[in-house]
Amino acid sequence: MTAEIVKVDKNGRIYLPASLRKKFGVTSFYVEERGDEIVLIPVRKRIGKYYGIFRGENLSPEEIDRLIEEETEKLLRDEL
């Protein structure tokens, strides 16, 4: 486990060390509050299992939206 001190700038931005950015290779994180801690979770880890699930299917935009909403709800119920 890596532990480093980072600072928050006046706009509320946190700068992640380059080593962590390279390690995780993502630009988006879920931010969770766990008691008195703030936890950053790479988005890739949570949604990666859904990559390509619609490939090859002839779906309307409305059907895709509905499926995405359903899968997102399942994901949030299972992983939060």
PDB file of N, CA and C in Angstrom:
ATOM      1  N   MET A   1       0.848  -1.175   0.000  1.00  0.00           N
ATOM      2  CA  MET A   1       0.000   0.000   0.000  1.00  0.00           C
ATOM      3  C   MET A   1       0.889   1.232   0.000  1.00  0.00           C
ATOM      4  N   THR A   2       0.536   2.196  -0.832  1.00  0.00           N
ATOM      5  CA  THR A   2       1.278   3.441  -0.925  1.00  0.00           C
ATOM      6  C   THR A   2       0.564   4.515  -0.115  1.00  0.00           C
ATOM      7  N   ALA A   3       1.327   5.265   0.656  1.00  0.00           N
ATOM      8  CA  ALA A   3       0.750   6.372   1.416  1.00  0.00           C
ATOM      9  C   ALA A   3       1.595   7.608   1.156  1.00  0.00           C
ATOM     10  N   GLU A   4       0.952   8.648   0.694  1.00  0.00           N
ATOM     11  CA  GLU A   4       1.624   9.915   0.448  1.00  0.00           C
ATOM     12  C   GLU A   4       0.714  11.041   0.903  1.00  0.00           C
ATOM     13  N   ILE A   5       1.306  12.158   1.237  1.00  0.00           N
ATOM     14  CA  ILE A   5       0.520  13.334   1.602  1.00  0.00           C
ATOM     15  C   ILE A   5       0.314  14.169   0.346  1.00  0.00           C
ATOM     16  N   VAL A   6      -0.948  14.530   0.099  1.00  0.00           N
ATOM     17  CA  VAL A   6      -1.282  15.407  -1.020  1.00  0.00           C
ATOM     18  C   VAL A   6      -2.039  16.601  -0.452  1.00  0.00           C
ATOM     19  N   LYS A   7      -2.054  17.675  -1.204  1.00  0.00           N
ATOM     20  CA  LYS A   7      -2.737  18.885  -0.749  1.00  0.00           C
ATOM     21  C   LYS A   7      -3.918  19.195  -1.656  1.00  0.00           C
ATOM     22  N   VAL A   8      -4.869  19.886  -1.096  1.00  0.00           N
ATOM     23  CA  VAL A   8      -6.030  20.355  -1.838  1.00  0.00           C
ATOM     24  C   VAL A   8      -5.792  21.820  -2.150  1.00  0.00           C
ATOM     25  N   ASP A   9      -5.955  22.206  -3.439  1.00  0.00           N
ATOM     26  CA  ASP A   9      -5.742  23.615  -3.778  1.00  0.00           C
ATOM     27  C   ASP A   9      -6.995  24.441  -3.474  1.00  0.00           C
ATOM     28  N   LYS A  10      -6.929  25.722  -3.730  1.00  0.00           N
ATOM     29  CA  LYS A  10      -8.039  26.616  -3.385  1.00  0.00           C
ATOM     30  C   LYS A  10      -9.323  26.306  -4.159  1.00  0.00           C
ATOM     31  N   ASN A  11      -9.214  25.549  -5.268  1.00  0.00           N
ATOM     32  CA  ASN A  11     -10.391  25.159  -6.049  1.00  0.00           C
ATOM     33  C   ASN A  11     -10.892  23.761  -5.675  1.00  0.00           C
ATOM     34  N   GLY A  12     -10.295  23.160  -4.652  1.00  0.00           N
ATOM     35  CA  GLY A  12     -10.727  21.847  -4.203  1.00  0.00           C
ATOM     36  C   GLY A  12     -10.106  20.690  -4.960  1.00  0.00           C
ATOM     37  N   ARG A  13      -9.091  20.939  -5.775  1.00  0.00           N
ATOM     38  CA  ARG A  13      -8.448  19.883  -6.556  1.00  0.00           C
ATOM     39  C   ARG A  13      -7.372  19.187  -5.742  1.00  0.00           C
ATOM     40  N   ILE A  14      -7.315  17.874  -5.927  1.00  0.00           N
ATOM     41  CA  ILE A  14      -6.271  17.069  -5.305  1.00  0.00           C
ATOM     42  C   ILE A  14      -5.361  16.590  -6.429  1.00  0.00           C
ATOM     43  N   TYR A  15      -4.089  16.755  -6.246  1.00  0.00           N
ATOM     44  CA  TYR A  15      -3.127  16.299  -7.248  1.00  0.00           C
ATOM     45  C   TYR A  15      -2.562  14.957  -6.833  1.00  0.00           C
ATOM     46  N   LEU A  16      -2.837  13.928  -7.653  1.00  0.00           N
ATOM     47  CA  LEU A  16      -2.337  12.596  -7.359  1.00  0.00           C
ATOM     48  C   LEU A  16      -0.900  12.474  -7.854  1.00  0.00           C
ATOM     49  N   PRO A  17      -0.048  11.820  -7.079  1.00  0.00           N
ATOM     50  CA  PRO A  17       1.326  11.614  -7.517  1.00  0.00           C
ATOM     51  C   PRO A  17       1.374  10.829  -8.830  1.00  0.00           C
ATOM     52  N   ALA A  18       2.374  11.120  -9.659  1.00  0.00           N
ATOM     53  CA  ALA A  18       2.514  10.462 -10.957  1.00  0.00           C
ATOM     54  C   ALA A  18       2.571   8.946 -10.815  1.00  0.00           C
ATOM     55  N   SER A  19       3.183   8.448  -9.766  1.00  0.00           N
ATOM     56  CA  SER A  19       3.285   6.995  -9.583  1.00  0.00           C
ATOM     57  C   SER A  19       1.906   6.343  -9.469  1.00  0.00           C
ATOM     58  N   LEU A  20       0.977   7.005  -8.784  1.00  0.00           N
ATOM     59  CA  LEU A  20      -0.379   6.469  -8.660  1.00  0.00           C
ATOM     60  C   LEU A  20      -1.154   6.604  -9.960  1.00  0.00           C
ATOM     61  N   ARG A  21      -0.978   7.730 -10.650  1.00  0.00           N
ATOM     62  CA  ARG A  21      -1.669   7.904 -11.938  1.00  0.00           C
ATOM     63  C   ARG A  21      -1.226   6.836 -12.912  1.00  0.00           C
ATOM     64  N   LYS A  22       0.069   6.540 -12.956  1.00  0.00           N
ATOM     65  CA  LYS A  22       0.578   5.509 -13.862  1.00  0.00           C
ATOM     66  C   LYS A  22       0.100   4.127 -13.442  1.00  0.00           C
ATOM     67  N   LYS A  23       0.121   3.863 -12.163  1.00  0.00           N
ATOM     68  CA  LYS A  23      -0.279   2.551 -11.655  1.00  0.00           C
ATOM     69  C   LYS A  23      -1.721   2.217 -12.016  1.00  0.00           C
ATOM     70  N   PHE A  24      -2.628   3.165 -11.826  1.00  0.00           N
ATOM     71  CA  PHE A  24      -4.040   2.896 -12.056  1.00  0.00           C
ATOM     72  C   PHE A  24      -4.493   3.227 -13.469  1.00  0.00           C
ATOM     73  N   GLY A  25      -3.818   4.139 -14.147  1.00  0.00           N
ATOM     74  CA  GLY A  25      -4.122   4.440 -15.544  1.00  0.00           C
ATOM     75  C   GLY A  25      -5.530   4.928 -15.809  1.00  0.00           C
ATOM     76  N   VAL A  26      -6.128   5.605 -14.849  1.00  0.00           N
ATOM     77  CA  VAL A  26      -7.485   6.119 -15.032  1.00  0.00           C
ATOM     78  C   VAL A  26      -7.515   7.605 -14.694  1.00  0.00           C
ATOM     79  N   THR A  27      -8.547   8.278 -15.166  1.00  0.00           N
ATOM     80  CA  THR A  27      -8.682   9.713 -14.889  1.00  0.00           C
ATOM     81  C   THR A  27      -9.937  10.035 -14.091  1.00  0.00           C
ATOM     82  N   SER A  28     -10.745   9.018 -13.805  1.00  0.00           N
ATOM     83  CA  SER A  28     -11.973   9.233 -13.043  1.00  0.00           C
ATOM     84  C   SER A  28     -11.999   8.301 -11.843  1.00  0.00           C
ATOM     85  N   PHE A  29     -12.501   8.837 -10.743  1.00  0.00           N
ATOM     86  CA  PHE A  29     -12.584   8.073  -9.508  1.00  0.00           C
ATOM     87  C   PHE A  29     -13.940   8.287  -8.859  1.00  0.00           C
ATOM     88  N   TYR A  30     -14.447   7.262  -8.208  1.00  0.00           N
ATOM     89  CA  TYR A  30     -15.575   7.437  -7.313  1.00  0.00           C
ATOM     90  C   TYR A  30     -14.992   7.970  -6.014  1.00  0.00           C
ATOM     91  N   VAL A  31     -15.695   8.881  -5.369  1.00  0.00           N
ATOM     92  CA  VAL A  31     -15.267   9.399  -4.082  1.00  0.00           C
ATOM     93  C   VAL A  31     -16.275   8.915  -3.058  1.00  0.00           C
ATOM     94  N   GLU A  32     -15.781   8.171  -2.060  1.00  0.00           N
ATOM     95  CA  GLU A  32     -16.660   7.646  -1.018  1.00  0.00           C
ATOM     96  C   GLU A  32     -16.220   8.176   0.329  1.00  0.00           C
ATOM     97  N   GLU A  33     -17.189   8.425   1.163  1.00  0.00           N
ATOM     98  CA  GLU A  33     -16.917   8.797   2.550  1.00  0.00           C
ATOM     99  C   GLU A  33     -17.114   7.536   3.382  1.00  0.00           C
ATOM    100  N   ARG A  34     -16.073   7.173   4.128  1.00  0.00           N
ATOM    101  CA  ARG A  34     -16.148   6.000   5.002  1.00  0.00           C
ATOM    102  C   ARG A  34     -15.760   6.440   6.408  1.00  0.00           C
ATOM    103  N   GLY A  35     -16.767   6.754   7.167  1.00  0.00           N
ATOM    104  CA  GLY A  35     -16.503   7.265   8.510  1.00  0.00           C
ATOM    105  C   GLY A  35     -15.783   8.592   8.420  1.00  0.00           C
ATOM    106  N   ASP A  36     -14.572   8.641   8.958  1.00  0.00           N
ATOM    107  CA  ASP A  36     -13.794   9.879   8.912  1.00  0.00           C
ATOM    108  C   ASP A  36     -12.731   9.846   7.814  1.00  0.00           C
ATOM    109  N   GLU A  37     -12.928   8.989   6.799  1.00  0.00           N
ATOM    110  CA  GLU A  37     -11.984   8.876   5.687  1.00  0.00           C
ATOM    111  C   GLU A  37     -12.655   9.200   4.364  1.00  0.00           C
ATOM    112  N   ILE A  38     -11.856   9.645   3.415  1.00  0.00           N
ATOM    113  CA  ILE A  38     -12.286   9.835   2.025  1.00  0.00           C
ATOM    114  C   ILE A  38     -11.526   8.811   1.197  1.00  0.00           C
ATOM    115  N   VAL A  39     -12.251   8.023   0.411  1.00  0.00           N
ATOM    116  CA  VAL A  39     -11.642   6.951  -0.368  1.00  0.00           C
ATOM    117  C   VAL A  39     -11.873   7.215  -1.854  1.00  0.00           C
ATOM    118  N   LEU A  40     -10.810   7.135  -2.645  1.00  0.00           N
ATOM    119  CA  LEU A  40     -10.903   7.260  -4.102  1.00  0.00           C
ATOM    120  C   LEU A  40     -10.854   5.860  -4.698  1.00  0.00           C
ATOM    121  N   ILE A  41     -11.822   5.532  -5.542  1.00  0.00           N
ATOM    122  CA  ILE A  41     -11.889   4.216  -6.174  1.00  0.00           C
ATOM    123  C   ILE A  41     -11.858   4.414  -7.687  1.00  0.00           C
ATOM    124  N   PRO A  42     -10.855   3.859  -8.368  1.00  0.00           N
ATOM    125  CA  PRO A  42     -10.793   4.022  -9.826  1.00  0.00           C
ATOM    126  C   PRO A  42     -12.063   3.523 -10.493  1.00  0.00           C
ATOM    127  N   VAL A  43     -12.622   4.315 -11.390  1.00  0.00           N
ATOM    128  CA  VAL A  43     -13.862   3.951 -12.085  1.00  0.00           C
ATOM    129  C   VAL A  43     -13.660   2.669 -12.883  1.00  0.00           C
ATOM    130  N   ARG A  44     -12.520   2.507 -13.493  1.00  0.00           N
ATOM    131  CA  ARG A  44     -12.255   1.337 -14.320  1.00  0.00           C
ATOM    132  C   ARG A  44     -12.550   0.035 -13.585  1.00  0.00           C
ATOM    133  N   LYS A  45     -12.207  -0.060 -12.321  1.00  0.00           N
ATOM    134  CA  LYS A  45     -12.393  -1.297 -11.582  1.00  0.00           C
ATOM    135  C   LYS A  45     -13.865  -1.662 -11.442  1.00  0.00           C
ATOM    136  N   ARG A  46     -14.702  -0.673 -11.327  1.00  0.00           N
ATOM    137  CA  ARG A  46     -16.123  -0.967 -11.131  1.00  0.00           C
ATOM    138  C   ARG A  46     -16.856  -1.244 -12.431  1.00  0.00           C
ATOM    139  N   ILE A  47     -16.505  -0.572 -13.522  1.00  0.00           N
ATOM    140  CA  ILE A  47     -17.284  -0.741 -14.750  1.00  0.00           C
ATOM    141  C   ILE A  47     -16.591  -1.605 -15.787  1.00  0.00           C
ATOM    142  N   GLY A  48     -15.364  -2.001 -15.535  1.00  0.00           N
ATOM    143  CA  GLY A  48     -14.614  -2.788 -16.503  1.00  0.00           C
ATOM    144  C   GLY A  48     -15.311  -4.062 -16.932  1.00  0.00           C
ATOM    145  N   LYS A  49     -16.024  -4.701 -16.027  1.00  0.00           N
ATOM    146  CA  LYS A  49     -16.683  -5.954 -16.381  1.00  0.00           C
ATOM    147  C   LYS A  49     -17.811  -5.762 -17.384  1.00  0.00           C
ATOM    148  N   TYR A  50     -18.246  -4.527 -17.603  1.00  0.00           N
ATOM    149  CA  TYR A  50     -19.321  -4.264 -18.552  1.00  0.00           C
ATOM    150  C   TYR A  50     -18.815  -3.845 -19.931  1.00  0.00           C
ATOM    151  N   TYR A  51     -17.489  -3.724 -20.080  1.00  0.00           N
ATOM    152  CA  TYR A  51     -16.936  -3.290 -21.364  1.00  0.00           C
ATOM    153  C   TYR A  51     -17.361  -4.260 -22.464  1.00  0.00           C
ATOM    154  N   GLY A  52     -17.956  -3.729 -23.533  1.00  0.00           N
ATOM    155  CA  GLY A  52     -18.305  -4.523 -24.702  1.00  0.00           C
ATOM    156  C   GLY A  52     -19.574  -5.354 -24.599  1.00  0.00           C
ATOM    157  N   ILE A  53     -20.390  -5.164 -23.574  1.00  0.00           N
ATOM    158  CA  ILE A  53     -21.561  -6.027 -23.427  1.00  0.00           C
ATOM    159  C   ILE A  53     -22.604  -5.808 -24.519  1.00  0.00           C
ATOM    160  N   PHE A  54     -22.569  -4.663 -25.200  1.00  0.00           N
ATOM    161  CA  PHE A  54     -23.555  -4.398 -26.245  1.00  0.00           C
ATOM    162  C   PHE A  54     -23.012  -4.657 -27.648  1.00  0.00           C
ATOM    163  N   ARG A  55     -21.789  -5.106 -27.744  1.00  0.00           N
ATOM    164  CA  ARG A  55     -21.158  -5.295 -29.046  1.00  0.00           C
ATOM    165  C   ARG A  55     -21.968  -6.278 -29.892  1.00  0.00           C
ATOM    166  N   GLY A  56     -22.201  -5.903 -31.151  1.00  0.00           N
ATOM    167  CA  GLY A  56     -22.862  -6.791 -32.084  1.00  0.00           C
ATOM    168  C   GLY A  56     -24.377  -6.803 -31.997  1.00  0.00           C
ATOM    169  N   GLU A  57     -24.916  -6.110 -31.014  1.00  0.00           N
ATOM    170  CA  GLU A  57     -26.369  -6.086 -30.891  1.00  0.00           C
ATOM    171  C   GLU A  57     -26.916  -4.853 -31.606  1.00  0.00           C
ATOM    172  N   ASN A  58     -28.051  -5.008 -32.250  1.00  0.00           N
ATOM    173  CA  ASN A  58     -28.679  -3.906 -32.964  1.00  0.00           C
ATOM    174  C   ASN A  58     -29.737  -3.289 -32.057  1.00  0.00           C
ATOM    175  N   LEU A  59     -29.305  -2.360 -31.206  1.00  0.00           N
ATOM    176  CA  LEU A  59     -30.199  -1.765 -30.225  1.00  0.00           C
ATOM    177  C   LEU A  59     -30.460  -0.304 -30.557  1.00  0.00           C
ATOM    178  N   SER A  60     -31.658   0.151 -30.236  1.00  0.00           N
ATOM    179  CA  SER A  60     -31.983   1.563 -30.411  1.00  0.00           C
ATOM    180  C   SER A  60     -31.314   2.353 -29.284  1.00  0.00           C
ATOM    181  N   PRO A  61     -31.145   3.654 -29.454  1.00  0.00           N
ATOM    182  CA  PRO A  61     -30.574   4.471 -28.376  1.00  0.00           C
ATOM    183  C   PRO A  61     -31.372   4.359 -27.074  1.00  0.00           C
ATOM    184  N   GLU A  62     -32.682   4.254 -27.184  1.00  0.00           N
ATOM    185  CA  GLU A  62     -33.518   4.127 -25.992  1.00  0.00           C
ATOM    186  C   GLU A  62     -33.253   2.806 -25.270  1.00  0.00           C
ATOM    187  N   GLU A  63     -33.084   1.731 -26.045  1.00  0.00           N
ATOM    188  CA  GLU A  63     -32.787   0.430 -25.447  1.00  0.00           C
ATOM    189  C   GLU A  63     -31.419   0.440 -24.767  1.00  0.00           C
ATOM    190  N   ILE A  64     -30.458   1.068 -25.395  1.00  0.00           N
ATOM    191  CA  ILE A  64     -29.118   1.172 -24.805  1.00  0.00           C
ATOM    192  C   ILE A  64     -29.190   1.961 -23.503  1.00  0.00           C
ATOM    193  N   ASP A  65     -29.903   3.090 -23.518  1.00  0.00           N
ATOM    194  CA  ASP A  65     -30.056   3.888 -22.295  1.00  0.00           C
ATOM    195  C   ASP A  65     -30.696   3.080 -21.178  1.00  0.00           C
ATOM    196  N   ARG A  66     -31.741   2.334 -21.502  1.00  0.00           N
ATOM    197  CA  ARG A  66     -32.425   1.522 -20.504  1.00  0.00           C
ATOM    198  C   ARG A  66     -31.489   0.465 -19.928  1.00  0.00           C
ATOM    199  N   LEU A  67     -30.741  -0.220 -20.790  1.00  0.00           N
ATOM    200  CA  LEU A  67     -29.814  -1.247 -20.326  1.00  0.00           C
ATOM    201  C   LEU A  67     -28.703  -0.658 -19.457  1.00  0.00           C
ATOM    202  N   ILE A  68     -28.213   0.505 -19.854  1.00  0.00           N
ATOM    203  CA  ILE A  68     -27.172   1.157 -19.058  1.00  0.00           C
ATOM    204  C   ILE A  68     -27.713   1.527 -17.682  1.00  0.00           C
ATOM    205  N   GLU A  69     -28.914   2.068 -17.638  1.00  0.00           N
ATOM    206  CA  GLU A  69     -29.526   2.413 -16.347  1.00  0.00           C
ATOM    207  C   GLU A  69     -29.695   1.171 -15.470  1.00  0.00           C
ATOM    208  N   GLU A  70     -30.172   0.077 -16.055  1.00  0.00           N
ATOM    209  CA  GLU A  70     -30.360  -1.160 -15.288  1.00  0.00           C
ATOM    210  C   GLU A  70     -29.031  -1.683 -14.743  1.00  0.00           C
ATOM    211  N   GLU A  71     -28.009  -1.714 -15.596  1.00  0.00           N
ATOM    212  CA  GLU A  71     -26.711  -2.227 -15.169  1.00  0.00           C
ATOM    213  C   GLU A  71     -26.071  -1.318 -14.130  1.00  0.00           C
ATOM    214  N   THR A  72     -26.261  -0.006 -14.274  1.00  0.00           N
ATOM    215  CA  THR A  72     -25.710   0.937 -13.300  1.00  0.00           C
ATOM    216  C   THR A  72     -26.374   0.747 -11.947  1.00  0.00           C
ATOM    217  N   GLU A  73     -27.684   0.566 -11.942  1.00  0.00           N
ATOM    218  CA  GLU A  73     -28.399   0.329 -10.684  1.00  0.00           C
ATOM    219  C   GLU A  73     -27.911  -0.948 -10.015  1.00  0.00           C
ATOM    220  N   LYS A  74     -27.733  -2.027 -10.798  1.00  0.00           N
ATOM    221  CA  LYS A  74     -27.216  -3.281 -10.258  1.00  0.00           C
ATOM    222  C   LYS A  74     -25.826  -3.072  -9.670  1.00  0.00           C
ATOM    223  N   LEU A  75     -24.995  -2.371 -10.419  1.00  0.00           N
ATOM    224  CA  LEU A  75     -23.624  -2.129  -9.998  1.00  0.00           C
ATOM    225  C   LEU A  75     -23.580  -1.352  -8.684  1.00  0.00           C
ATOM    226  N   LEU A  76     -24.377  -0.314  -8.590  1.00  0.00           N
ATOM    227  CA  LEU A  76     -24.381   0.496  -7.376  1.00  0.00           C
ATOM    228  C   LEU A  76     -24.941  -0.278  -6.180  1.00  0.00           C
ATOM    229  N   ARG A  77     -25.938  -1.092  -6.401  1.00  0.00           N
ATOM    230  CA  ARG A  77     -26.496  -1.912  -5.315  1.00  0.00           C
ATOM    231  C   ARG A  77     -25.472  -2.929  -4.826  1.00  0.00           C
ATOM    232  N   ASP A  78     -24.750  -3.542  -5.754  1.00  0.00           N
ATOM    233  CA  ASP A  78     -23.815  -4.601  -5.410  1.00  0.00           C
ATOM    234  C   ASP A  78     -22.506  -4.101  -4.817  1.00  0.00           C
ATOM    235  N   GLU A  79     -22.070  -2.918  -5.204  1.00  0.00           N
ATOM    236  CA  GLU A  79     -20.715  -2.503  -4.859  1.00  0.00           C
ATOM    237  C   GLU A  79     -20.603  -1.323  -3.924  1.00  0.00           C
ATOM    238  N   LEU A  80     -21.697  -0.731  -3.526  1.00  0.00           N
ATOM    239  CA  LEU A  80     -21.574   0.412  -2.609  1.00  0.00           C
ATOM    240  C   LEU A  80     -21.841  -0.002  -1.191  1.00  0.00           C
TER     241      LEU A  80
END
